[in-house]
C-alpha cells in the first residue's frame, strides 16, 4: 500500500491569511444558501435617490440619538408632517428609513448565521473528534424537540451536516476563510445602513403641534396696544416716514458708509442711534430680570462649532439652497488635523443650547432659564427691496435671547413658552408699538420648531395697500422645540423617579424666544415716534432712564 505524503504544516492563522481564491460553496452548505439569498438584497453601490451623503462628524461632537423606532412605526405621520411643513424632499425619508432598517435586519440575520458557522468550523478544525460527539448530541436534542440555540443550529445545518463530515481539513479552513470575508462584508453593509438611517433621521423636521395652523396662513391671537388707524395716505408718505430717511435726517444711521466698508446689509448706528441700541438692550434685560422667575444672564461666544449650529437646526443652507450661516475658513493645517469647522452664530440660541451639550441634567433642576445678549450673523439677508431695506433685514445685529430647558411635558413646557410670550408682550407694549401676536402656520416652521408664535409690529413705511401689505413686520419670535435639539446635542435628563418605560435617562425639551431684536425694534421706534413738523423722534418713556433722561431725538441735539 502506497504511503501518503503529508503536506507541509501551515498554521491556521497563515492559512486564513492566504491570498483569496475564487469562492466555492459546497452544495447544500450554509454559505451557498447565504450567497443565493443575500445577493438579491445587497446594497447597490449607487444608493437610492433619497439617500444622503454621510456626514463626517468630529469625534468630540455630541452623539445624536434620534428615535428612529418612532419614525419607522409612524411612517405616514412623518411623511404627512414633512409635506405640511413644505419639506417635500424629506417626506420620502421615513419610508426609506423603514426600507433600510429591513435591509439592516436581514444583514443581522445573515451575520448571526455566519458567526455560528464560523465558530463551528473553528471548533471542528481545532478538535474534529469532539465536534463529532457534539454533532451527535445536537442531533439527539433536535429530534427531542428542544428549542435551544444548539438544536436550532443543527436544524439549519450550521453546526452539523453532511457537508462538514465529508470535508477535508483544508476545505474546512478554506470555508472558514470565506466565512470571515463574507462576515466582514456584511458588517460593512450594516455600518453603512446604520449611518444612512441616522443621516436621514437627522434631516427630518420636528413634529408639529396641534395648535399650529396647517397651511401658510397664520392665526391672529391678539393685539398689543390699540390697533393702528390706517388712514389714507399719498404714495410719497411711506417713503418719507421710513426709518431709513428718518435716521438719515437725524444723522444717526449711515448705510452708505457701511456699504463701502462691508457691503449691502450692514449699517452704522451713530450718536443717538448707538445710544438707543444700548438703551433697548438694557431695558430688555431689566424686564426679563424683574420677573424674578429664575432667568440668569449669560455672555455667550459668537463663534461656535458648525456641528453645534446644525444640531440646533441651523444648517449651512436651508431647504431652498439659500445660505444661512457664515462659515469660517479653516487653515490647511487645521483641515489636515481634522479640527472641527467653525461658524458665526446666527443667534444666541445656538451657544445657549450648547451650554448643556453632552451633559446630564437632574430633573429637579428644571426648568433652567437663561437670557443672553449677543451679536448675530445671518447670511440670508434677503434681496433688495422695500420689504428688506434699511434695518429690517441685515447681516449682523444685536439681540437679547431667552432660552430654557423644560421637563419633557406639554404642560410644563407651555408654561415657560407662555412666560416668554408675556415678556415679549410687556416689552413691546411699554415701547408703545402697535403689534399683533400670531400663531405661525406649519409652512413657516423651521426644522426644530414644534410650535412657533411671532409678534409683528406696525411699520408705516411698509404699508402699501395697493400691494396688499398692511405694514406688519416680524420683531420677535418664540418656539417650542420639544426634544429635537436635546437629542442632537446629547443633552440628557435623569428622571427623579423611574419612567413608565423604565428608562434611566430621557431628554429635556427646549424653548427659545427673542426678548428684543435691536434693529427691527429700533426701526419701529423711529417710525412710531417720528414728528414730521418738529423733525424729532419721541423716545418711549420706558427708555428715558437708559437715554440719560432725554425724551426725544432731534437733529440739533446730535449734529453740532
Foldseek 3Di string as FASTA:
>chain_A
DDDDDDDDDDDLVVLLVDPDDPDDDDPPAPVVVCVVPVVVLFADPVHDPLFDPQDDDDPPFFDFDFPLVVLQVPLVQLLVLCVLQVNNSLSCLSVVLNVLVVSLVVLVVSLVLLVLLLVLLVVCLVPVVVLVVVLVVLVVVLVVVDPDPSVVCNVSCRNDDPVVVPDDSSVSSSVSSVSVVVSVVSVVSNVVSVSRSVVSSLPRFDAADPPFAGDFDWDFDWKFPDADDDDDDDPCVLVCLFLVNLCVQQVQKDQPVCCVVPRPQDIGGDDVRVLVLVLLVVLLVCLVVVVVPAAAEDEFDQKDFQLLCVLQQQHCAASVRHGWWAWDDDDPVCVVVVPTTMTGAQDVQRRVLLVQFPHEAEQVVPWHKYKYKDKHATPCQDDDDLCRPDLQGHGIFIFIKMKIWHALDPVGVVVVQVVQVVLLSVSCNLQVWIKTKIWGHSNPDGRQFNTKIWIWTAFSSQDDVVVPTRRTDTWKMKGKRRQSSCSSRVRKYQYPDQDPVRDRIHGTIMMMMTSGTRSVVVRRQSSVQADPVQSKGAGRPSSCVSSVNDGIRHNVVRPD
